[in-house]
């Protein structure tokens, strides 16, 4: 059973998350090329989102990543109009797509 997330209060600083993703049906689909693609994609996403990948492990059917999301004060950027606009659209299944 999944355990609840532990989120720090905003004044406490950074938050740490253990992320897990799995291949549908637990099939062993991730070979060496796919593992490298997954690793590169994780770093691209982390860079874009402003988080730090602390450690990771890519296996043939799932991935574990531990990240640190630093404390951020976005309110001044929003007030000054410097915050990036995020384009969220929906795919054919109704899920959000960034």
Protein backbone atom coordinates (compact mmCIF):
# COMPACT_ATOMS: atom_id res chain seq x y z
CA UNK A 1 0.00 0.00 0.00
CA UNK A 2 1.19 3.48 -0.84
CA UNK A 3 2.33 5.60 2.09
CA UNK A 4 1.31 9.27 2.37
CA UNK A 5 3.62 11.98 1.08
CA UNK A 6 5.51 14.03 3.60
CA UNK A 7 5.44 17.66 2.55
CA UNK A 8 7.40 20.29 4.46
CA UNK A 9 5.85 23.60 5.37
CA UNK A 10 6.87 26.38 2.93
CA UNK A 11 9.09 28.04 5.54
CA UNK A 12 11.01 24.79 6.13
CA UNK A 13 12.71 24.76 2.75
CA UNK A 14 13.30 22.04 0.19
CA UNK A 15 11.11 18.98 -0.31
CA UNK A 16 12.41 15.48 -1.15
CA UNK A 17 10.48 12.95 -3.22
CA UNK A 18 11.01 9.29 -4.10
CA UNK A 19 9.51 8.80 -7.57
CA UNK A 20 8.71 5.42 -9.10
CA UNK A 21 7.43 4.64 -12.56
CA UNK A 22 6.77 1.20 -14.01
CA UNK A 23 6.35 -0.42 -17.39
CA UNK A 24 2.75 -1.44 -18.10
CA UNK A 25 2.22 -5.11 -17.31
CA UNK A 26 5.63 -5.33 -15.58
CA UNK A 27 7.19 -6.46 -18.85
CA UNK A 28 10.99 -6.32 -19.08
CA UNK A 29 11.17 -3.71 -21.85
CA UNK A 30 14.03 -1.44 -20.83
CA UNK A 31 17.29 -2.48 -22.45
CA UNK A 32 20.55 -0.52 -22.27
CA UNK A 33 19.49 1.99 -24.97
CA UNK A 34 16.09 2.59 -23.35
CA UNK A 35 17.69 2.96 -19.91
CA UNK A 36 20.03 5.64 -21.25
CA UNK A 37 17.11 7.44 -22.90
CA UNK A 38 15.19 7.33 -19.60
CA UNK A 39 18.20 8.73 -17.71
CA UNK A 40 18.66 11.59 -20.19
CA UNK A 41 14.94 12.40 -20.14
CA UNK A 42 14.92 12.50 -16.32
CA UNK A 43 17.72 15.08 -16.35
CA UNK A 44 15.99 17.19 -19.00
CA UNK A 45 12.75 17.22 -17.03
CA UNK A 46 14.58 17.98 -13.78
CA UNK A 47 16.41 20.90 -15.38
CA UNK A 48 13.23 22.32 -16.86
CA UNK A 49 11.35 21.99 -13.56
CA UNK A 50 14.17 23.37 -11.42
CA UNK A 51 14.62 20.23 -9.33
CA UNK A 52 17.76 18.24 -8.55
CA UNK A 53 18.10 14.50 -9.18
CA UNK A 54 19.90 13.14 -6.11
CA UNK A 55 20.05 9.49 -7.14
CA UNK A 56 18.34 7.09 -9.51
CA UNK A 57 18.22 3.45 -10.58
CA UNK A 58 16.80 2.25 -13.90
CA UNK A 59 15.84 -1.43 -14.07
CA UNK A 60 14.34 -3.47 -16.91
CA UNK A 61 10.75 -2.77 -15.85
CA UNK A 62 10.78 0.23 -13.50
CA UNK A 63 12.69 3.33 -12.43
CA UNK A 64 13.39 4.87 -9.01
CA UNK A 65 14.43 8.54 -8.78
CA UNK A 66 15.02 10.61 -5.64
CA UNK A 67 14.72 14.35 -6.23
CA UNK A 68 15.03 17.55 -4.23
CA UNK A 69 12.62 20.39 -5.01
CA UNK A 70 14.14 23.58 -3.59
CA UNK A 71 12.11 26.17 -1.74
CA UNK A 72 10.97 28.77 -4.24
CA UNK A 73 9.21 32.05 -3.76
CA UNK A 74 7.32 32.58 -7.02
CA UNK A 75 5.11 35.39 -5.79
CA UNK A 76 7.59 38.24 -6.59
CA UNK A 77 8.12 36.86 -10.13
CA UNK A 78 4.35 36.66 -10.66
CA UNK A 79 3.89 40.22 -9.42
CA UNK A 80 6.60 41.47 -11.78
CA UNK A 81 5.24 39.48 -14.72
CA UNK A 82 8.40 37.38 -15.02
CA UNK A 83 6.84 33.98 -14.39
CA UNK A 84 6.75 31.68 -17.41
CA UNK A 85 3.38 30.92 -18.90
CA UNK A 86 2.66 27.21 -19.02
CA UNK A 87 0.72 25.87 -21.98
CA UNK A 88 -1.41 22.99 -20.81
CA UNK A 89 -3.44 21.22 -23.46
CA UNK A 90 -5.28 17.91 -23.40
CA UNK A 91 -4.37 14.83 -25.41
CA UNK A 92 -6.88 12.54 -27.10
CA UNK A 93 -7.59 10.77 -23.78
CA UNK A 94 -8.29 13.98 -21.86
CA UNK A 95 -5.02 13.94 -19.91
CA UNK A 96 -3.07 17.16 -19.45
CA UNK A 97 -0.11 17.49 -21.77
CA UNK A 98 2.61 20.09 -21.15
